[in-house]
Amino acid sequence: MLEALGEYIKLAVDVEKGIIAGGGELHADCEAALLKEGSSQDNIWGADWYPRTKEVSFESLINIRPRQNNRSMVIQDADLRACVDKIVRGLLEV
């Protein structure tokens, strides 16, 4: 998944199913892959994984969702950030 960007991986995380899609140039590419597999858009959130430092960031254009009370590119809900973090680390941290 590092081929596209080298230092980090753009991800879309389905918090309902506990799965991710990653490796695209855009978070929207990853989101589209999850949607194609039957995920609901309301459950998909954008994040980045930095494997060298084992950090997760929660900033993506796909996170701007006024109808879900997220008016920023950053996931604003702490519980939702923790859920995304747990899924990403559970699947990618070695």
PDB file of N, CA and C in Angstrom:
ATOM      1  N   MET A   1       0.806  -1.205   0.000  1.00  0.00           N
ATOM      2  CA  MET A   1       0.000   0.000   0.000  1.00  0.00           C
ATOM      3  C   MET A   1       0.846   1.265   0.000  1.00  0.00           C
ATOM      4  N   LEU A   2       2.125   1.149   0.293  1.00  0.00           N
ATOM      5  CA  LEU A   2       2.997   2.319   0.328  1.00  0.00           C
ATOM      6  C   LEU A   2       3.424   2.803  -1.053  1.00  0.00           C
ATOM      7  N   GLU A   3       3.151   2.030  -2.089  1.00  0.00           N
ATOM      8  CA  GLU A   3       3.616   2.387  -3.429  1.00  0.00           C
ATOM      9  C   GLU A   3       3.138   3.758  -3.888  1.00  0.00           C
ATOM     10  N   ALA A   4       1.901   4.121  -3.600  1.00  0.00           N
ATOM     11  CA  ALA A   4       1.337   5.378  -4.099  1.00  0.00           C
ATOM     12  C   ALA A   4       2.017   6.608  -3.506  1.00  0.00           C
ATOM     13  N   LEU A   5       2.276   6.614  -2.205  1.00  0.00           N
ATOM     14  CA  LEU A   5       2.773   7.824  -1.549  1.00  0.00           C
ATOM     15  C   LEU A   5       4.106   7.660  -0.821  1.00  0.00           C
ATOM     16  N   GLY A   6       4.556   6.447  -0.624  1.00  0.00           N
ATOM     17  CA  GLY A   6       5.875   6.202  -0.048  1.00  0.00           C
ATOM     18  C   GLY A   6       5.976   6.253   1.464  1.00  0.00           C
ATOM     19  N   GLU A   7       5.681   7.382   2.075  1.00  0.00           N
ATOM     20  CA  GLU A   7       5.870   7.576   3.517  1.00  0.00           C
ATOM     21  C   GLU A   7       4.644   7.229   4.350  1.00  0.00           C
ATOM     22  N   TYR A   8       3.482   7.316   3.750  1.00  0.00           N
ATOM     23  CA  TYR A   8       2.254   7.042   4.493  1.00  0.00           C
ATOM     24  C   TYR A   8       1.212   6.453   3.559  1.00  0.00           C
ATOM     25  N   ILE A   9       0.128   5.956   4.161  1.00  0.00           N
ATOM     26  CA  ILE A   9      -0.931   5.287   3.401  1.00  0.00           C
ATOM     27  C   ILE A   9      -2.247   5.989   3.681  1.00  0.00           C
ATOM     28  N   LYS A  10      -2.931   6.407   2.620  1.00  0.00           N
ATOM     29  CA  LYS A  10      -4.280   6.952   2.766  1.00  0.00           C
ATOM     30  C   LYS A  10      -5.235   5.784   2.931  1.00  0.00           C
ATOM     31  N   LEU A  11      -6.156   5.942   3.873  1.00  0.00           N
ATOM     32  CA  LEU A  11      -7.084   4.869   4.200  1.00  0.00           C
ATOM     33  C   LEU A  11      -8.523   5.368   4.236  1.00  0.00           C
ATOM     34  N   ALA A  12      -9.431   4.454   3.989  1.00  0.00           N
ATOM     35  CA  ALA A  12     -10.841   4.631   4.319  1.00  0.00           C
ATOM     36  C   ALA A  12     -11.155   3.495   5.275  1.00  0.00           C
ATOM     37  N   VAL A  13     -11.799   3.832   6.377  1.00  0.00           N
ATOM     38  CA  VAL A  13     -12.063   2.869   7.439  1.00  0.00           C
ATOM     39  C   VAL A  13     -13.567   2.726   7.626  1.00  0.00           C
ATOM     40  N   ASP A  14     -14.063   1.502   7.506  1.00  0.00           N
ATOM     41  CA  ASP A  14     -15.472   1.222   7.783  1.00  0.00           C
ATOM     42  C   ASP A  14     -15.560   0.849   9.254  1.00  0.00           C
ATOM     43  N   VAL A  15     -16.091   1.765  10.058  1.00  0.00           N
ATOM     44  CA  VAL A  15     -16.123   1.557  11.504  1.00  0.00           C
ATOM     45  C   VAL A  15     -17.188   0.544  11.916  1.00  0.00           C
ATOM     46  N   GLU A  16     -18.137   0.275  11.069  1.00  0.00           N
ATOM     47  CA  GLU A  16     -19.170  -0.728  11.356  1.00  0.00           C
ATOM     48  C   GLU A  16     -18.624  -2.138  11.148  1.00  0.00           C
ATOM     49  N   LYS A  17     -17.946  -2.343  10.004  1.00  0.00           N
ATOM     50  CA  LYS A  17     -17.440  -3.669   9.646  1.00  0.00           C
ATOM     51  C   LYS A  17     -16.032  -3.944  10.178  1.00  0.00           C
ATOM     52  N   GLY A  18     -15.331  -2.891  10.598  1.00  0.00           N
ATOM     53  CA  GLY A  18     -13.972  -3.066  11.105  1.00  0.00           C
ATOM     54  C   GLY A  18     -12.965  -3.395  10.017  1.00  0.00           C
ATOM     55  N   ILE A  19     -13.180  -2.831   8.827  1.00  0.00           N
ATOM     56  CA  ILE A  19     -12.286  -3.094   7.696  1.00  0.00           C
ATOM     57  C   ILE A  19     -11.742  -1.789   7.139  1.00  0.00           C
ATOM     58  N   ILE A  20     -10.674  -1.908   6.350  1.00  0.00           N
ATOM     59  CA  ILE A  20     -10.078  -0.736   5.717  1.00  0.00           C
ATOM     60  C   ILE A  20      -9.835  -1.013   4.233  1.00  0.00           C
ATOM     61  N   ALA A  21      -9.724   0.067   3.479  1.00  0.00           N
ATOM     62  CA  ALA A  21      -9.195   0.027   2.117  1.00  0.00           C
ATOM     63  C   ALA A  21      -8.093   1.076   2.106  1.00  0.00           C
ATOM     64  N   GLY A  22      -6.988   0.787   1.466  1.00  0.00           N
ATOM     65  CA  GLY A  22      -5.882   1.731   1.491  1.00  0.00           C
ATOM     66  C   GLY A  22      -4.978   1.618   0.296  1.00  0.00           C
ATOM     67  N   GLY A  23      -4.134   2.629   0.158  1.00  0.00           N
ATOM     68  CA  GLY A  23      -3.118   2.599  -0.869  1.00  0.00           C
ATOM     69  C   GLY A  23      -3.384   3.476  -2.071  1.00  0.00           C
ATOM     70  N   GLY A  24      -4.525   4.115  -2.123  1.00  0.00           N
ATOM     71  CA  GLY A  24      -4.826   4.989  -3.253  1.00  0.00           C
ATOM     72  C   GLY A  24      -4.167   6.343  -3.104  1.00  0.00           C
ATOM     73  N   GLU A  25      -4.264   7.137  -4.152  1.00  0.00           N
ATOM     74  CA  GLU A  25      -3.728   8.494  -4.083  1.00  0.00           C
ATOM     75  C   GLU A  25      -4.678   9.428  -3.344  1.00  0.00           C
ATOM     76  N   LEU A  26      -5.952   9.063  -3.301  1.00  0.00           N
ATOM     77  CA  LEU A  26      -6.961   9.871  -2.620  1.00  0.00           C
ATOM     78  C   LEU A  26      -7.737   9.002  -1.639  1.00  0.00           C
ATOM     79  N   HIS A  27      -8.188   9.609  -0.551  1.00  0.00           N
ATOM     80  CA  HIS A  27      -9.052   8.884   0.371  1.00  0.00           C
ATOM     81  C   HIS A  27     -10.330   8.445  -0.350  1.00  0.00           C
ATOM     82  N   ALA A  28     -10.777   9.270  -1.294  1.00  0.00           N
ATOM     83  CA  ALA A  28     -12.002   8.952  -2.039  1.00  0.00           C
ATOM     84  C   ALA A  28     -11.851   7.663  -2.849  1.00  0.00           C
ATOM     85  N   ASP A  29     -10.640   7.363  -3.318  1.00  0.00           N
ATOM     86  CA  ASP A  29     -10.407   6.096  -4.039  1.00  0.00           C
ATOM     87  C   ASP A  29     -10.642   4.918  -3.096  1.00  0.00           C
ATOM     88  N   CYS A  30     -10.154   5.043  -1.882  1.00  0.00           N
ATOM     89  CA  CYS A  30     -10.321   3.983  -0.884  1.00  0.00           C
ATOM     90  C   CYS A  30     -11.786   3.873  -0.473  1.00  0.00           C
ATOM     91  N   GLU A  31     -12.423   5.015  -0.306  1.00  0.00           N
ATOM     92  CA  GLU A  31     -13.848   5.041   0.034  1.00  0.00           C
ATOM     93  C   GLU A  31     -14.663   4.337  -1.049  1.00  0.00           C
ATOM     94  N   ALA A  32     -14.349   4.608  -2.312  1.00  0.00           N
ATOM     95  CA  ALA A  32     -15.067   3.980  -3.429  1.00  0.00           C
ATOM     96  C   ALA A  32     -14.929   2.463  -3.400  1.00  0.00           C
ATOM     97  N   ALA A  33     -13.754   1.972  -3.021  1.00  0.00           N
ATOM     98  CA  ALA A  33     -13.541   0.521  -2.942  1.00  0.00           C
ATOM     99  C   ALA A  33     -14.437  -0.091  -1.870  1.00  0.00           C
ATOM    100  N   LEU A  34     -14.559   0.574  -0.723  1.00  0.00           N
ATOM    101  CA  LEU A  34     -15.428   0.059   0.332  1.00  0.00           C
ATOM    102  C   LEU A  34     -16.896   0.132  -0.060  1.00  0.00           C
ATOM    103  N   LEU A  35     -17.285   1.213  -0.708  1.00  0.00           N
ATOM    104  CA  LEU A  35     -18.671   1.340  -1.166  1.00  0.00           C
ATOM    105  C   LEU A  35     -19.025   0.237  -2.161  1.00  0.00           C
ATOM    106  N   LYS A  36     -18.080  -0.063  -3.034  1.00  0.00           N
ATOM    107  CA  LYS A  36     -18.278  -1.127  -4.023  1.00  0.00           C
ATOM    108  C   LYS A  36     -18.508  -2.480  -3.350  1.00  0.00           C
ATOM    109  N   GLU A  37     -17.899  -2.661  -2.178  1.00  0.00           N
ATOM    110  CA  GLU A  37     -18.019  -3.923  -1.439  1.00  0.00           C
ATOM    111  C   GLU A  37     -19.210  -3.930  -0.478  1.00  0.00           C
ATOM    112  N   GLY A  38     -20.026  -2.872  -0.522  1.00  0.00           N
ATOM    113  CA  GLY A  38     -21.254  -2.872   0.266  1.00  0.00           C
ATOM    114  C   GLY A  38     -21.242  -2.067   1.550  1.00  0.00           C
ATOM    115  N   SER A  39     -20.168  -1.349   1.819  1.00  0.00           N
ATOM    116  CA  SER A  39     -20.135  -0.503   3.012  1.00  0.00           C
ATOM    117  C   SER A  39     -21.076   0.683   2.833  1.00  0.00           C
ATOM    118  N   SER A  40     -21.577   1.190   3.940  1.00  0.00           N
ATOM    119  CA  SER A  40     -22.418   2.378   3.943  1.00  0.00           C
ATOM    120  C   SER A  40     -21.526   3.610   4.118  1.00  0.00           C
ATOM    121  N   GLN A  41     -21.782   4.650   3.342  1.00  0.00           N
ATOM    122  CA  GLN A  41     -20.941   5.840   3.408  1.00  0.00           C
ATOM    123  C   GLN A  41     -20.928   6.465   4.807  1.00  0.00           C
ATOM    124  N   ASP A  42     -22.018   6.369   5.530  1.00  0.00           N
ATOM    125  CA  ASP A  42     -22.068   6.936   6.879  1.00  0.00           C
ATOM    126  C   ASP A  42     -21.068   6.279   7.823  1.00  0.00           C
ATOM    127  N   ASN A  43     -20.624   5.082   7.491  1.00  0.00           N
ATOM    128  CA  ASN A  43     -19.692   4.337   8.353  1.00  0.00           C
ATOM    129  C   ASN A  43     -18.237   4.440   7.905  1.00  0.00           C
ATOM    130  N   ILE A  44     -17.970   5.143   6.809  1.00  0.00           N
ATOM    131  CA  ILE A  44     -16.612   5.217   6.254  1.00  0.00           C
ATOM    132  C   ILE A  44     -15.977   6.554   6.613  1.00  0.00           C
ATOM    133  N   TRP A  45     -14.780   6.486   7.184  1.00  0.00           N
ATOM    134  CA  TRP A  45     -14.056   7.684   7.588  1.00  0.00           C
ATOM    135  C   TRP A  45     -12.631   7.619   7.060  1.00  0.00           C
ATOM    136  N   GLY A  46     -12.070   8.784   6.731  1.00  0.00           N
ATOM    137  CA  GLY A  46     -10.727   8.857   6.178  1.00  0.00           C
ATOM    138  C   GLY A  46      -9.666   9.021   7.250  1.00  0.00           C
ATOM    139  N   ALA A  47      -8.525   8.365   7.019  1.00  0.00           N
ATOM    140  CA  ALA A  47      -7.388   8.454   7.943  1.00  0.00           C
ATOM    141  C   ALA A  47      -6.107   8.192   7.155  1.00  0.00           C
ATOM    142  N   ASP A  48      -4.992   8.441   7.791  1.00  0.00           N
ATOM    143  CA  ASP A  48      -3.681   8.130   7.214  1.00  0.00           C
ATOM    144  C   ASP A  48      -2.906   7.295   8.221  1.00  0.00           C
ATOM    145  N   TRP A  49      -2.086   6.377   7.709  1.00  0.00           N
ATOM    146  CA  TRP A  49      -1.230   5.532   8.546  1.00  0.00           C
ATOM    147  C   TRP A  49       0.218   5.808   8.170  1.00  0.00           C
ATOM    148  N   TYR A  50       1.020   6.118   9.178  1.00  0.00           N
ATOM    149  CA  TYR A  50       2.449   6.351   9.016  1.00  0.00           C
ATOM    150  C   TYR A  50       3.178   5.153   9.628  1.00  0.00           C
ATOM    151  N   PRO A  51       3.541   4.159   8.813  1.00  0.00           N
ATOM    152  CA  PRO A  51       4.098   2.923   9.366  1.00  0.00           C
ATOM    153  C   PRO A  51       5.423   3.094  10.105  1.00  0.00           C
ATOM    154  N   ARG A  52       6.249   4.021   9.669  1.00  0.00           N
ATOM    155  CA  ARG A  52       7.554   4.203  10.314  1.00  0.00           C
ATOM    156  C   ARG A  52       7.399   4.682  11.759  1.00  0.00           C
ATOM    157  N   THR A  53       6.468   5.602  11.993  1.00  0.00           N
ATOM    158  CA  THR A  53       6.262   6.149  13.341  1.00  0.00           C
ATOM    159  C   THR A  53       5.060   5.528  14.048  1.00  0.00           C
ATOM    160  N   LYS A  54       4.322   4.695  13.319  1.00  0.00           N
ATOM    161  CA  LYS A  54       3.120   4.036  13.848  1.00  0.00           C
ATOM    162  C   LYS A  54       2.092   5.058  14.353  1.00  0.00           C
ATOM    163  N   GLU A  55       1.898   6.104  13.559  1.00  0.00           N
ATOM    164  CA  GLU A  55       0.930   7.133  13.903  1.00  0.00           C
ATOM    165  C   GLU A  55      -0.262   7.070  12.958  1.00  0.00           C
ATOM    166  N   VAL A  56      -1.413   7.440  13.489  1.00  0.00           N
ATOM    167  CA  VAL A  56      -2.637   7.553  12.698  1.00  0.00           C
ATOM    168  C   VAL A  56      -3.045   9.014  12.710  1.00  0.00           C
ATOM    169  N   SER A  57      -3.360   9.560  11.553  1.00  0.00           N
ATOM    170  CA  SER A  57      -3.943  10.901  11.512  1.00  0.00           C
ATOM    171  C   SER A  57      -5.368  10.759  11.001  1.00  0.00           C
ATOM    172  N   PHE A  58      -6.191  11.699  11.341  1.00  0.00           N
ATOM    173  CA  PHE A  58      -7.632  11.595  11.101  1.00  0.00           C
ATOM    174  C   PHE A  58      -8.160  12.712  10.205  1.00  0.00           C
ATOM    175  N   GLU A  59      -7.367  13.139   9.250  1.00  0.00           N
ATOM    176  CA  GLU A  59      -7.726  14.265   8.395  1.00  0.00           C
ATOM    177  C   GLU A  59      -7.940  13.805   6.962  1.00  0.00           C
ATOM    178  N   SER A  60      -9.109  14.132   6.417  1.00  0.00           N
ATOM    179  CA  SER A  60      -9.437  13.770   5.045  1.00  0.00           C
ATOM    180  C   SER A  60     -10.637  14.584   4.578  1.00  0.00           C
ATOM    181  N   LEU A  61     -10.667  14.866   3.292  1.00  0.00           N
ATOM    182  CA  LEU A  61     -11.833  15.558   2.738  1.00  0.00           C
ATOM    183  C   LEU A  61     -13.105  14.746   2.909  1.00  0.00           C
ATOM    184  N   ILE A  62     -13.007  13.416   2.879  1.00  0.00           N
ATOM    185  CA  ILE A  62     -14.227  12.605   2.999  1.00  0.00           C
ATOM    186  C   ILE A  62     -14.830  12.680   4.396  1.00  0.00           C
ATOM    187  N   ASN A  63     -14.122  13.290   5.335  1.00  0.00           N
ATOM    188  CA  ASN A  63     -14.636  13.423   6.700  1.00  0.00           C
ATOM    189  C   ASN A  63     -15.533  14.647   6.887  1.00  0.00           C
ATOM    190  N   ILE A  64     -15.602  15.527   5.911  1.00  0.00           N
ATOM    191  CA  ILE A  64     -16.461  16.702   6.029  1.00  0.00           C
ATOM    192  C   ILE A  64     -17.900  16.241   5.845  1.00  0.00           C
ATOM    193  N   ARG A  65     -18.643  16.200   6.960  1.00  0.00           N
ATOM    194  CA  ARG A  65     -20.013  15.676   6.953  1.00  0.00           C
ATOM    195  C   ARG A  65     -20.887  16.464   7.910  1.00  0.00           C
ATOM    196  N   PRO A  66     -21.374  17.585   7.483  1.00  0.00           N
ATOM    197  CA  PRO A  66     -22.242  18.372   8.361  1.00  0.00           C
ATOM    198  C   PRO A  66     -23.461  17.577   8.860  1.00  0.00           C
ATOM    199  N   ARG A  67     -24.004  16.697   8.037  1.00  0.00           N
ATOM    200  CA  ARG A  67     -25.191  15.924   8.446  1.00  0.00           C
ATOM    201  C   ARG A  67     -24.869  14.936   9.568  1.00  0.00           C
ATOM    202  N   GLN A  68     -23.567  14.634   9.769  1.00  0.00           N
ATOM    203  CA  GLN A  68     -23.137  13.749  10.851  1.00  0.00           C
ATOM    204  C   GLN A  68     -22.358  14.539  11.911  1.00  0.00           C
ATOM    205  N   ASN A  69     -22.582  15.844  11.941  1.00  0.00           N
ATOM    206  CA  ASN A  69     -21.949  16.744  12.914  1.00  0.00           C
ATOM    207  C   ASN A  69     -20.434  16.744  12.852  1.00  0.00           C
ATOM    208  N   ASN A  70     -19.877  16.547  11.653  1.00  0.00           N
ATOM    209  CA  ASN A  70     -18.423  16.655  11.471  1.00  0.00           C
ATOM    210  C   ASN A  70     -18.195  17.692  10.373  1.00  0.00           C
ATOM    211  N   ARG A  71     -17.923  18.908  10.784  1.00  0.00           N
ATOM    212  CA  ARG A  71     -17.809  20.019   9.840  1.00  0.00           C
ATOM    213  C   ARG A  71     -16.365  20.321   9.459  1.00  0.00           C
ATOM    214  N   SER A  72     -15.479  19.411   9.767  1.00  0.00           N
ATOM    215  CA  SER A  72     -14.056  19.599   9.543  1.00  0.00           C
ATOM    216  C   SER A  72     -13.490  18.408   8.771  1.00  0.00           C
ATOM    217  N   MET A  73     -12.304  18.596   8.205  1.00  0.00           N
ATOM    218  CA  MET A  73     -11.610  17.473   7.581  1.00  0.00           C
ATOM    219  C   MET A  73     -11.117  16.484   8.634  1.00  0.00           C
ATOM    220  N   VAL A  74     -10.946  16.949   9.856  1.00  0.00           N
ATOM    221  CA  VAL A  74     -10.487  16.105  10.955  1.00  0.00           C
ATOM    222  C   VAL A  74     -11.710  15.488  11.642  1.00  0.00           C
ATOM    223  N   ILE A  75     -11.622  14.211  11.975  1.00  0.00           N
ATOM    224  CA  ILE A  75     -12.697  13.567  12.719  1.00  0.00           C
ATOM    225  C   ILE A  75     -12.770  14.234  14.087  1.00  0.00           C
ATOM    226  N   GLN A  76     -13.900  14.856  14.386  1.00  0.00           N
ATOM    227  CA  GLN A  76     -14.018  15.657  15.598  1.00  0.00           C
ATOM    228  C   GLN A  76     -14.427  14.853  16.831  1.00  0.00           C
ATOM    229  N   ASP A  77     -15.154  13.775  16.665  1.00  0.00           N
ATOM    230  CA  ASP A  77     -15.635  12.974  17.783  1.00  0.00           C
ATOM    231  C   ASP A  77     -14.510  12.078  18.321  1.00  0.00           C
ATOM    232  N   ALA A  78     -14.176  12.246  19.586  1.00  0.00           N
ATOM    233  CA  ALA A  78     -13.067  11.496  20.193  1.00  0.00           C
ATOM    234  C   ALA A  78     -13.320   9.988  20.184  1.00  0.00           C
ATOM    235  N   ASP A  79     -14.548   9.572  20.426  1.00  0.00           N
ATOM    236  CA  ASP A  79     -14.867   8.141  20.412  1.00  0.00           C
ATOM    237  C   ASP A  79     -14.704   7.558  19.016  1.00  0.00           C
ATOM    238  N   LEU A  80     -15.120   8.305  18.014  1.00  0.00           N
ATOM    239  CA  LEU A  80     -14.972   7.846  16.635  1.00  0.00           C
ATOM    240  C   LEU A  80     -13.498   7.770  16.244  1.00  0.00           C
ATOM    241  N   ARG A  81     -12.699   8.774  16.652  1.00  0.00           N
ATOM    242  CA  ARG A  81     -11.249   8.727  16.400  1.00  0.00           C
ATOM    243  C   ARG A  81     -10.637   7.493  17.051  1.00  0.00           C
ATOM    244  N   ALA A  82     -11.044   7.189  18.276  1.00  0.00           N
ATOM    245  CA  ALA A  82     -10.515   6.016  18.984  1.00  0.00           C
ATOM    246  C   ALA A  82     -10.895   4.729  18.251  1.00  0.00           C
ATOM    247  N   CYS A  83     -12.101   4.665  17.714  1.00  0.00           N
ATOM    248  CA  CYS A  83     -12.543   3.485  16.964  1.00  0.00           C
ATOM    249  C   CYS A  83     -11.719   3.320  15.692  1.00  0.00           C
ATOM    250  N   VAL A  84     -11.521   4.413  14.943  1.00  0.00           N
ATOM    251  CA  VAL A  84     -10.711   4.375  13.723  1.00  0.00           C
ATOM    252  C   VAL A  84      -9.283   3.950  14.075  1.00  0.00           C
ATOM    253  N   ASP A  85      -8.737   4.534  15.123  1.00  0.00           N
ATOM    254  CA  ASP A  85      -7.374   4.208  15.559  1.00  0.00           C
ATOM    255  C   ASP A  85      -7.254   2.716  15.886  1.00  0.00           C
ATOM    256  N   LYS A  86      -8.198   2.180  16.612  1.00  0.00           N
ATOM    257  CA  LYS A  86      -8.167   0.768  17.004  1.00  0.00           C
ATOM    258  C   LYS A  86      -8.220  -0.152  15.788  1.00  0.00           C
ATOM    259  N   ILE A  87      -9.063   0.169  14.831  1.00  0.00           N
ATOM    260  CA  ILE A  87      -9.178  -0.652  13.616  1.00  0.00           C
ATOM    261  C   ILE A  87      -7.884  -0.596  12.811  1.00  0.00           C
ATOM    262  N   VAL A  88      -7.371   0.615  12.599  1.00  0.00           N
ATOM    263  CA  VAL A  88      -6.140   0.771  11.812  1.00  0.00           C
ATOM    264  C   VAL A  88      -4.982   0.024  12.474  1.00  0.00           C
ATOM    265  N   ARG A  89      -4.793   0.245  13.750  1.00  0.00           N
ATOM    266  CA  ARG A  89      -3.689  -0.416  14.457  1.00  0.00           C
ATOM    267  C   ARG A  89      -3.863  -1.931  14.478  1.00  0.00           C
ATOM    268  N   GLY A  90      -5.088  -2.382  14.655  1.00  0.00           N
ATOM    269  CA  GLY A  90      -5.358  -3.805  14.692  1.00  0.00           C
ATOM    270  C   GLY A  90      -5.043  -4.508  13.381  1.00  0.00           C
ATOM    271  N   LEU A  91      -5.205  -3.783  12.276  1.00  0.00           N
ATOM    272  CA  LEU A  91      -4.963  -4.376  10.968  1.00  0.00           C
ATOM    273  C   LEU A  91      -3.570  -4.103  10.402  1.00  0.00           C
ATOM    274  N   LEU A  92      -2.947  -2.992  10.788  1.00  0.00           N
ATOM    275  CA  LEU A  92      -1.684  -2.604  10.137  1.00  0.00           C
ATOM    276  C   LEU A  92      -0.458  -2.584  11.051  1.00  0.00           C
ATOM    277  N   GLU A  93      -0.654  -2.458  12.341  1.00  0.00           N
ATOM    278  CA  GLU A  93       0.500  -2.375  13.235  1.00  0.00           C
ATOM    279  C   GLU A  93       1.112  -3.767  13.426  1.00  0.00           C
ATOM    280  N   VAL A  94       2.408  -3.839  13.222  1.00  0.00           N
ATOM    281  CA  VAL A  94       3.098  -5.127  13.388  1.00  0.00           C
ATOM    282  C   VAL A  94       4.158  -5.057  14.447  1.00  0.00           C
TER     283      VAL A  94
END
